[in-house]
Each structure stands twice: as structure tokens, then as C-alpha cells.
PDB file of N, CA and C in Angstrom:
ATOM      1  N   MET A   1     -13.665   7.522 -14.738  1.00  0.00           N
ATOM      2  CA  MET A   1     -12.383   7.116 -14.186  1.00  0.00           C
ATOM      3  C   MET A   1     -12.622   5.929 -13.246  1.00  0.00           C
ATOM      4  N   PRO A   2     -11.771   4.901 -13.327  1.00  0.00           N
ATOM      5  CA  PRO A   2     -11.971   3.724 -12.477  1.00  0.00           C
ATOM      6  C   PRO A   2     -11.705   4.013 -10.993  1.00  0.00           C
ATOM      7  N   ARG A   3     -12.378   3.255 -10.150  1.00  0.00           N
ATOM      8  CA  ARG A   3     -12.200   3.374  -8.699  1.00  0.00           C
ATOM      9  C   ARG A   3     -11.429   2.159  -8.204  1.00  0.00           C
ATOM     10  N   TYR A   4     -10.435   2.438  -7.351  1.00  0.00           N
ATOM     11  CA  TYR A   4      -9.605   1.390  -6.762  1.00  0.00           C
ATOM     12  C   TYR A   4      -9.747   1.431  -5.248  1.00  0.00           C
ATOM     13  N   PHE A   5      -9.699   0.252  -4.630  1.00  0.00           N
ATOM     14  CA  PHE A   5      -9.847   0.112  -3.191  1.00  0.00           C
ATOM     15  C   PHE A   5      -8.555  -0.452  -2.615  1.00  0.00           C
ATOM     16  N   PHE A   6      -8.113   0.116  -1.490  1.00  0.00           N
ATOM     17  CA  PHE A   6      -6.831  -0.227  -0.878  1.00  0.00           C
ATOM     18  C   PHE A   6      -7.069  -0.899   0.472  1.00  0.00           C
ATOM     19  N   HIS A   7      -7.043  -2.218   0.481  1.00  0.00           N
ATOM     20  CA  HIS A   7      -7.299  -3.005   1.683  1.00  0.00           C
ATOM     21  C   HIS A   7      -5.966  -3.439   2.288  1.00  0.00           C
ATOM     22  N   THR A   8      -5.869  -3.356   3.603  1.00  0.00           N
ATOM     23  CA  THR A   8      -4.636  -3.758   4.275  1.00  0.00           C
ATOM     24  C   THR A   8      -4.846  -5.104   4.941  1.00  0.00           C
ATOM     25  N   ARG A   9      -3.960  -6.059   4.603  1.00  0.00           N
ATOM     26  CA  ARG A   9      -4.011  -7.396   5.203  1.00  0.00           C
ATOM     27  C   ARG A   9      -2.806  -7.535   6.132  1.00  0.00           C
ATOM     28  N   ILE A  10      -3.095  -7.741   7.424  1.00  0.00           N
ATOM     29  CA  ILE A  10      -2.052  -7.962   8.431  1.00  0.00           C
ATOM     30  C   ILE A  10      -2.361  -9.305   9.078  1.00  0.00           C
ATOM     31  N   GLY A  11      -1.561 -10.302   8.741  1.00  0.00           N
ATOM     32  CA  GLY A  11      -1.843 -11.646   9.247  1.00  0.00           C
ATOM     33  C   GLY A  11      -3.204 -12.089   8.736  1.00  0.00           C
ATOM     34  N   GLY A  12      -4.077 -12.478   9.652  1.00  0.00           N
ATOM     35  CA  GLY A  12      -5.418 -12.920   9.292  1.00  0.00           C
ATOM     36  C   GLY A  12      -6.449 -11.802   9.288  1.00  0.00           C
ATOM     37  N   ASP A  13      -6.034 -10.584   9.615  1.00  0.00           N
ATOM     38  CA  ASP A  13      -6.957  -9.446   9.677  1.00  0.00           C
ATOM     39  C   ASP A  13      -6.899  -8.635   8.388  1.00  0.00           C
ATOM     40  N   ILE A  14      -8.058  -8.098   7.986  1.00  0.00           N
ATOM     41  CA  ILE A  14      -8.127  -7.237   6.815  1.00  0.00           C
ATOM     42  C   ILE A  14      -8.827  -5.940   7.204  1.00  0.00           C
ATOM     43  N   LEU A  15      -8.157  -4.824   6.937  1.00  0.00           N
ATOM     44  CA  LEU A  15      -8.745  -3.498   7.115  1.00  0.00           C
ATOM     45  C   LEU A  15      -9.270  -3.088   5.746  1.00  0.00           C
ATOM     46  N   THR A  16     -10.587  -2.945   5.641  1.00  0.00           N
ATOM     47  CA  THR A  16     -11.233  -2.735   4.352  1.00  0.00           C
ATOM     48  C   THR A  16     -11.390  -1.253   4.036  1.00  0.00           C
ATOM     49  N   ASP A  17     -11.069  -0.905   2.813  1.00  0.00           N
ATOM     50  CA  ASP A  17     -11.274   0.443   2.287  1.00  0.00           C
ATOM     51  C   ASP A  17     -12.662   0.463   1.651  1.00  0.00           C
ATOM     52  N   GLU A  18     -13.597   1.131   2.286  1.00  0.00           N
ATOM     53  CA  GLU A  18     -14.981   1.168   1.799  1.00  0.00           C
ATOM     54  C   GLU A  18     -15.202   2.245   0.731  1.00  0.00           C
ATOM     55  N   GLU A  19     -14.381   3.303   0.725  1.00  0.00           N
ATOM     56  CA  GLU A  19     -14.594   4.429  -0.192  1.00  0.00           C
ATOM     57  C   GLU A  19     -13.846   4.281  -1.508  1.00  0.00           C
ATOM     58  N   GLY A  20     -12.601   3.863  -1.444  1.00  0.00           N
ATOM     59  CA  GLY A  20     -11.787   3.768  -2.642  1.00  0.00           C
ATOM     60  C   GLY A  20     -11.385   5.135  -3.161  1.00  0.00           C
ATOM     61  N   SER A  21     -10.662   5.123  -4.274  1.00  0.00           N
ATOM     62  CA  SER A  21     -10.189   6.359  -4.904  1.00  0.00           C
ATOM     63  C   SER A  21     -10.299   6.222  -6.409  1.00  0.00           C
ATOM     64  N   GLU A  22     -10.741   7.284  -7.049  1.00  0.00           N
ATOM     65  CA  GLU A  22     -10.784   7.301  -8.507  1.00  0.00           C
ATOM     66  C   GLU A  22      -9.391   7.650  -9.015  1.00  0.00           C
ATOM     67  N   LEU A  23      -8.828   6.745  -9.815  1.00  0.00           N
ATOM     68  CA  LEU A  23      -7.475   6.917 -10.343  1.00  0.00           C
ATOM     69  C   LEU A  23      -7.457   6.585 -11.831  1.00  0.00           C
ATOM     70  N   ARG A  24      -6.447   7.087 -12.523  1.00  0.00           N
ATOM     71  CA  ARG A  24      -6.361   6.924 -13.979  1.00  0.00           C
ATOM     72  C   ARG A  24      -6.275   5.478 -14.429  1.00  0.00           C
ATOM     73  N   ASP A  25      -5.371   4.703 -13.793  1.00  0.00           N
ATOM     74  CA  ASP A  25      -5.094   3.353 -14.282  1.00  0.00           C
ATOM     75  C   ASP A  25      -4.367   2.564 -13.197  1.00  0.00           C
ATOM     76  N   PRO A  26      -4.078   1.265 -13.443  1.00  0.00           N
ATOM     77  CA  PRO A  26      -3.383   0.458 -12.434  1.00  0.00           C
ATOM     78  C   PRO A  26      -2.001   1.005 -12.051  1.00  0.00           C
ATOM     79  N   ASP A  27      -1.297   1.633 -12.991  1.00  0.00           N
ATOM     80  CA  ASP A  27       0.004   2.216 -12.656  1.00  0.00           C
ATOM     81  C   ASP A  27      -0.140   3.331 -11.623  1.00  0.00           C
ATOM     82  N   HIS A  28      -1.178   4.140 -11.782  1.00  0.00           N
ATOM     83  CA  HIS A  28      -1.449   5.205 -10.813  1.00  0.00           C
ATOM     84  C   HIS A  28      -1.811   4.582  -9.464  1.00  0.00           C
ATOM     85  N   ALA A  29      -2.582   3.493  -9.490  1.00  0.00           N
ATOM     86  CA  ALA A  29      -2.943   2.795  -8.245  1.00  0.00           C
ATOM     87  C   ALA A  29      -1.693   2.265  -7.547  1.00  0.00           C
ATOM     88  N   TRP A  30      -0.725   1.767  -8.325  1.00  0.00           N
ATOM     89  CA  TRP A  30       0.526   1.275  -7.742  1.00  0.00           C
ATOM     90  C   TRP A  30       1.271   2.402  -7.035  1.00  0.00           C
ATOM     91  N   ARG A  31       1.341   3.579  -7.665  1.00  0.00           N
ATOM     92  CA  ARG A  31       2.033   4.719  -7.048  1.00  0.00           C
ATOM     93  C   ARG A  31       1.319   5.173  -5.776  1.00  0.00           C
ATOM     94  N   VAL A  32      -0.007   5.177  -5.787  1.00  0.00           N
ATOM     95  CA  VAL A  32      -0.777   5.547  -4.596  1.00  0.00           C
ATOM     96  C   VAL A  32      -0.574   4.502  -3.506  1.00  0.00           C
ATOM     97  N   ALA A  33      -0.528   3.235  -3.876  1.00  0.00           N
ATOM     98  CA  ALA A  33      -0.294   2.156  -2.900  1.00  0.00           C
ATOM     99  C   ALA A  33       1.054   2.356  -2.214  1.00  0.00           C
ATOM    100  N   ARG A  34       2.092   2.619  -2.997  1.00  0.00           N
ATOM    101  CA  ARG A  34       3.430   2.831  -2.432  1.00  0.00           C
ATOM    102  C   ARG A  34       3.437   4.026  -1.484  1.00  0.00           C
ATOM    103  N   ALA A  35       2.818   5.124  -1.886  1.00  0.00           N
ATOM    104  CA  ALA A  35       2.766   6.319  -1.029  1.00  0.00           C
ATOM    105  C   ALA A  35       1.973   6.047   0.244  1.00  0.00           C
ATOM    106  N   THR A  36       0.900   5.293   0.133  1.00  0.00           N
ATOM    107  CA  THR A  36       0.076   4.945   1.299  1.00  0.00           C
ATOM    108  C   THR A  36       0.861   4.098   2.289  1.00  0.00           C
ATOM    109  N   ILE A  37       1.595   3.117   1.775  1.00  0.00           N
ATOM    110  CA  ILE A  37       2.402   2.259   2.647  1.00  0.00           C
ATOM    111  C   ILE A  37       3.471   3.079   3.349  1.00  0.00           C
ATOM    112  N   ARG A  38       4.167   3.905   2.603  1.00  0.00           N
ATOM    113  CA  ARG A  38       5.230   4.722   3.205  1.00  0.00           C
ATOM    114  C   ARG A  38       4.685   5.642   4.284  1.00  0.00           C
ATOM    115  N   ALA A  39       3.525   6.238   4.043  1.00  0.00           N
ATOM    116  CA  ALA A  39       2.915   7.106   5.048  1.00  0.00           C
ATOM    117  C   ALA A  39       2.536   6.303   6.290  1.00  0.00           C
ATOM    118  N   SER A  40       1.998   5.108   6.091  1.00  0.00           N
ATOM    119  CA  SER A  40       1.624   4.252   7.228  1.00  0.00           C
ATOM    120  C   SER A  40       2.851   3.881   8.048  1.00  0.00           C
ATOM    121  N   LEU A  41       3.940   3.559   7.367  1.00  0.00           N
ATOM    122  CA  LEU A  41       5.160   3.190   8.074  1.00  0.00           C
ATOM    123  C   LEU A  41       5.752   4.375   8.832  1.00  0.00           C
ATOM    124  N   GLU A  42       5.642   5.567   8.280  1.00  0.00           N
ATOM    125  CA  GLU A  42       6.138   6.753   8.982  1.00  0.00           C
ATOM    126  C   GLU A  42       5.307   7.035  10.232  1.00  0.00           C
ATOM    127  N   GLU A  43       3.991   6.839  10.135  1.00  0.00           N
ATOM    128  CA  GLU A  43       3.093   7.109  11.254  1.00  0.00           C
ATOM    129  C   GLU A  43       3.130   6.011  12.309  1.00  0.00           C
ATOM    130  N   GLU A  44       3.164   4.770  11.873  1.00  0.00           N
ATOM    131  CA  GLU A  44       3.043   3.622  12.777  1.00  0.00           C
ATOM    132  C   GLU A  44       4.247   2.704  12.707  1.00  0.00           C
ATOM    133  N   GLY A  45       5.386   3.204  12.302  1.00  0.00           N
ATOM    134  CA  GLY A  45       6.558   2.391  12.050  1.00  0.00           C
ATOM    135  C   GLY A  45       7.045   1.558  13.214  1.00  0.00           C
ATOM    136  N   SER A  46       6.636   1.874  14.417  1.00  0.00           N
ATOM    137  CA  SER A  46       7.104   1.114  15.577  1.00  0.00           C
ATOM    138  C   SER A  46       6.402  -0.236  15.716  1.00  0.00           C
ATOM    139  N   ASP A  47       5.344  -0.465  14.951  1.00  0.00           N
ATOM    140  CA  ASP A  47       4.615  -1.734  15.011  1.00  0.00           C
ATOM    141  C   ASP A  47       5.261  -2.722  14.043  1.00  0.00           C
ATOM    142  N   PRO A  48       5.996  -3.720  14.547  1.00  0.00           N
ATOM    143  CA  PRO A  48       6.707  -4.648  13.659  1.00  0.00           C
ATOM    144  C   PRO A  48       5.785  -5.466  12.760  1.00  0.00           C
ATOM    145  N   ARG A  49       4.512  -5.594  13.116  1.00  0.00           N
ATOM    146  CA  ARG A  49       3.577  -6.348  12.279  1.00  0.00           C
ATOM    147  C   ARG A  49       3.395  -5.696  10.912  1.00  0.00           C
ATOM    148  N   LEU A  50       3.629  -4.375  10.841  1.00  0.00           N
ATOM    149  CA  LEU A  50       3.433  -3.693   9.566  1.00  0.00           C
ATOM    150  C   LEU A  50       4.363  -4.215   8.475  1.00  0.00           C
ATOM    151  N   LEU A  51       5.545  -4.670   8.848  1.00  0.00           N
ATOM    152  CA  LEU A  51       6.457  -5.183   7.830  1.00  0.00           C
ATOM    153  C   LEU A  51       5.969  -6.487   7.219  1.00  0.00           C
ATOM    154  N   THR A  52       4.995  -7.138   7.855  1.00  0.00           N
ATOM    155  CA  THR A  52       4.407  -8.354   7.292  1.00  0.00           C
ATOM    156  C   THR A  52       3.084  -8.064   6.582  1.00  0.00           C
ATOM    157  N   ALA A  53       2.644  -6.814   6.626  1.00  0.00           N
ATOM    158  CA  ALA A  53       1.366  -6.439   6.024  1.00  0.00           C
ATOM    159  C   ALA A  53       1.473  -6.360   4.507  1.00  0.00           C
ATOM    160  N   VAL A  54       0.311  -6.463   3.865  1.00  0.00           N
ATOM    161  CA  VAL A  54       0.219  -6.357   2.409  1.00  0.00           C
ATOM    162  C   VAL A  54      -0.942  -5.428   2.087  1.00  0.00           C
ATOM    163  N   LEU A  55      -0.724  -4.492   1.171  1.00  0.00           N
ATOM    164  CA  LEU A  55      -1.800  -3.639   0.681  1.00  0.00           C
ATOM    165  C   LEU A  55      -2.362  -4.315  -0.561  1.00  0.00           C
ATOM    166  N   VAL A  56      -3.625  -4.715  -0.497  1.00  0.00           N
ATOM    167  CA  VAL A  56      -4.289  -5.400  -1.602  1.00  0.00           C
ATOM    168  C   VAL A  56      -5.181  -4.388  -2.305  1.00  0.00           C
ATOM    169  N   VAL A  57      -4.888  -4.125  -3.569  1.00  0.00           N
ATOM    170  CA  VAL A  57      -5.646  -3.147  -4.344  1.00  0.00           C
ATOM    171  C   VAL A  57      -6.611  -3.903  -5.243  1.00  0.00           C
ATOM    172  N   THR A  58      -7.901  -3.535  -5.145  1.00  0.00           N
ATOM    173  CA  THR A  58      -8.920  -4.166  -5.977  1.00  0.00           C
ATOM    174  C   THR A  58      -9.625  -3.115  -6.817  1.00  0.00           C
ATOM    175  N   ASP A  59     -10.275  -3.581  -7.886  1.00  0.00           N
ATOM    176  CA  ASP A  59     -11.069  -2.667  -8.707  1.00  0.00           C
ATOM    177  C   ASP A  59     -12.513  -2.679  -8.220  1.00  0.00           C
ATOM    178  N   GLU A  60     -13.383  -2.001  -8.939  1.00  0.00           N
ATOM    179  CA  GLU A  60     -14.789  -1.878  -8.524  1.00  0.00           C
ATOM    180  C   GLU A  60     -15.519  -3.220  -8.497  1.00  0.00           C
ATOM    181  N   GLU A  61     -15.042  -4.186  -9.276  1.00  0.00           N
ATOM    182  CA  GLU A  61     -15.670  -5.510  -9.299  1.00  0.00           C
ATOM    183  C   GLU A  61     -15.117  -6.417  -8.209  1.00  0.00           C
ATOM    184  N   GLY A  62     -14.126  -5.928  -7.452  1.00  0.00           N
ATOM    185  CA  GLY A  62     -13.527  -6.724  -6.393  1.00  0.00           C
ATOM    186  C   GLY A  62     -12.362  -7.581  -6.852  1.00  0.00           C
ATOM    187  N   GLU A  63     -11.966  -7.436  -8.115  1.00  0.00           N
ATOM    188  CA  GLU A  63     -10.831  -8.188  -8.646  1.00  0.00           C
ATOM    189  C   GLU A  63      -9.528  -7.575  -8.134  1.00  0.00           C
ATOM    190  N   VAL A  64      -8.585  -8.418  -7.733  1.00  0.00           N
ATOM    191  CA  VAL A  64      -7.293  -7.941  -7.251  1.00  0.00           C
ATOM    192  C   VAL A  64      -6.496  -7.396  -8.432  1.00  0.00           C
ATOM    193  N   VAL A  65      -6.094  -6.134  -8.306  1.00  0.00           N
ATOM    194  CA  VAL A  65      -5.283  -5.478  -9.322  1.00  0.00           C
ATOM    195  C   VAL A  65      -3.805  -5.687  -9.000  1.00  0.00           C
ATOM    196  N   LEU A  66      -3.477  -5.558  -7.710  1.00  0.00           N
ATOM    197  CA  LEU A  66      -2.103  -5.786  -7.271  1.00  0.00           C
ATOM    198  C   LEU A  66      -2.064  -6.013  -5.779  1.00  0.00           C
ATOM    199  N   GLU A  67      -1.005  -6.676  -5.350  1.00  0.00           N
ATOM    200  CA  GLU A  67      -0.720  -6.861  -3.928  1.00  0.00           C
ATOM    201  C   GLU A  67       0.665  -6.282  -3.685  1.00  0.00           C
ATOM    202  N   PHE A  68       0.762  -5.355  -2.738  1.00  0.00           N
ATOM    203  CA  PHE A  68       2.007  -4.637  -2.489  1.00  0.00           C
ATOM    204  C   PHE A  68       2.432  -4.886  -1.046  1.00  0.00           C
ATOM    205  N   PRO A  69       3.441  -5.737  -0.819  1.00  0.00           N
ATOM    206  CA  PRO A  69       3.931  -5.983   0.541  1.00  0.00           C
ATOM    207  C   PRO A  69       4.565  -4.727   1.125  1.00  0.00           C
ATOM    208  N   PHE A  70       4.264  -4.429   2.368  1.00  0.00           N
ATOM    209  CA  PHE A  70       4.847  -3.261   3.038  1.00  0.00           C
ATOM    210  C   PHE A  70       6.368  -3.343   3.031  1.00  0.00           C
ATOM    211  N   ALA A  71       6.922  -4.540   3.242  1.00  0.00           N
ATOM    212  CA  ALA A  71       8.375  -4.700   3.282  1.00  0.00           C
ATOM    213  C   ALA A  71       9.016  -4.283   1.962  1.00  0.00           C
ATOM    214  N   GLU A  72       8.315  -4.487   0.857  1.00  0.00           N
ATOM    215  CA  GLU A  72       8.845  -4.098  -0.445  1.00  0.00           C
ATOM    216  C   GLU A  72       8.964  -2.581  -0.566  1.00  0.00           C
ATOM    217  N   ALA A  73       8.022  -1.848   0.008  1.00  0.00           N
ATOM    218  CA  ALA A  73       8.085  -0.383  -0.025  1.00  0.00           C
ATOM    219  C   ALA A  73       9.268   0.132   0.778  1.00  0.00           C
ATOM    220  N   VAL A  74       9.607  -0.560   1.867  1.00  0.00           N
ATOM    221  CA  VAL A  74      10.759  -0.166   2.681  1.00  0.00           C
ATOM    222  C   VAL A  74      12.032  -0.390   1.888  1.00  0.00           C
ATOM    223  N   THR A  75      12.150  -1.528   1.221  1.00  0.00           N
ATOM    224  CA  THR A  75      13.330  -1.853   0.424  1.00  0.00           C
ATOM    225  C   THR A  75      13.516  -0.826  -0.682  1.00  0.00           C
ATOM    226  N   GLU A  76      12.432  -0.448  -1.353  1.00  0.00           N
ATOM    227  CA  GLU A  76      12.500   0.555  -2.415  1.00  0.00           C
ATOM    228  C   GLU A  76      12.941   1.900  -1.866  1.00  0.00           C
ATOM    229  N   ALA A  77      12.397   2.292  -0.730  1.00  0.00           N
ATOM    230  CA  ALA A  77      12.721   3.596  -0.151  1.00  0.00           C
ATOM    231  C   ALA A  77      14.197   3.674   0.202  1.00  0.00           C
ATOM    232  N   GLU A  78      14.743   2.585   0.695  1.00  0.00           N
ATOM    233  CA  GLU A  78      16.151   2.579   1.094  1.00  0.00           C
ATOM    234  C   GLU A  78      17.073   2.612  -0.121  1.00  0.00           C
ATOM    235  N   SER A  79      16.592   2.147  -1.269  1.00  0.00           N
ATOM    236  CA  SER A  79      17.454   2.103  -2.442  1.00  0.00           C
ATOM    237  C   SER A  79      17.351   3.340  -3.325  1.00  0.00           C
ATOM    238  N   GLU A  80      16.377   4.221  -3.063  1.00  0.00           N
ATOM    239  CA  GLU A  80      16.208   5.420  -3.872  1.00  0.00           C
ATOM    240  C   GLU A  80      17.057   6.548  -3.305  1.00  0.00           C
ATOM    241  N   PRO A  81      17.944   7.108  -4.121  1.00  0.00           N
ATOM    242  CA  PRO A  81      18.766   8.209  -3.637  1.00  0.00           C
ATOM    243  C   PRO A  81      17.925   9.440  -3.325  1.00  0.00           C
ATOM    244  N   GLY A  82      18.285  10.112  -2.240  1.00  0.00           N
ATOM    245  CA  GLY A  82      17.595  11.336  -1.881  1.00  0.00           C
ATOM    246  C   GLY A  82      16.302  11.144  -1.118  1.00  0.00           C
ATOM    247  N   GLU A  83      15.830   9.924  -0.997  1.00  0.00           N
ATOM    248  CA  GLU A  83      14.568   9.684  -0.301  1.00  0.00           C
ATOM    249  C   GLU A  83      14.762   9.474   1.175  1.00  0.00           C
ATOM    250  N   GLY A  84      15.948   9.088   1.609  1.00  0.00           N
ATOM    251  CA  GLY A  84      16.179   8.808   3.023  1.00  0.00           C
ATOM    252  C   GLY A  84      15.637   7.447   3.386  1.00  0.00           C
ATOM    253  N   THR A  85      15.725   7.124   4.666  1.00  0.00           N
ATOM    254  CA  THR A  85      15.206   5.845   5.138  1.00  0.00           C
ATOM    255  C   THR A  85      14.015   6.095   6.028  1.00  0.00           C
ATOM    256  N   LEU A  86      13.320   5.016   6.328  1.00  0.00           N
ATOM    257  CA  LEU A  86      12.120   5.121   7.154  1.00  0.00           C
ATOM    258  C   LEU A  86      12.390   4.848   8.615  1.00  0.00           C
ATOM    259  N   HIS A  87      13.657   4.700   9.006  1.00  0.00           N
ATOM    260  CA  HIS A  87      13.952   4.434  10.416  1.00  0.00           C
ATOM    261  C   HIS A  87      14.954   5.416  10.956  1.00  0.00           C
TER     262      HIS A  87
END
């Protein structure tokens, strides 16, 4: 099973995921990225810098699989019925 790494980029800073997670495919990585962002916003939502952050998902070779802006996860959460809002 492939391993994906979830790095957080906030401005010029990068928080590196050294362990990664074994996931089925890039679609599964996208769902994990969205859940990770939402959890971060629930825990640290008072930090306005998070809305400018991006979760960069890479594979084992270091190739970027996807970039998921935190602000996009907020927009999705607000548009999904039954999910509530993050504020």
C-alpha cells in the first residue's frame, strides 16, 4: 500500500510529516487531507493564519500528489448539509 505524507505550509513555514500514512490511493489521501484540515481548524480555529495554510500531500518519492488549501475545506464544510459550520 502506498505511503502519503501530509505537510502543512503556512506562509513561508512548512511543518513536515515525517511518518506519513499508508493509504489505498490518491482519492483516499484527499479524504484524509480534508479530515485532517477540519480537525486542525476545530482545534486551532482561532489562529487566522490557518485559513491561508495549505496541506501538501506527497508520495514516497516526494512528488506532490495534491495541495489542499485550508480555506477550501471550510467552504466545503459550510456547503454540506448536516455537517454544521466550523465557527
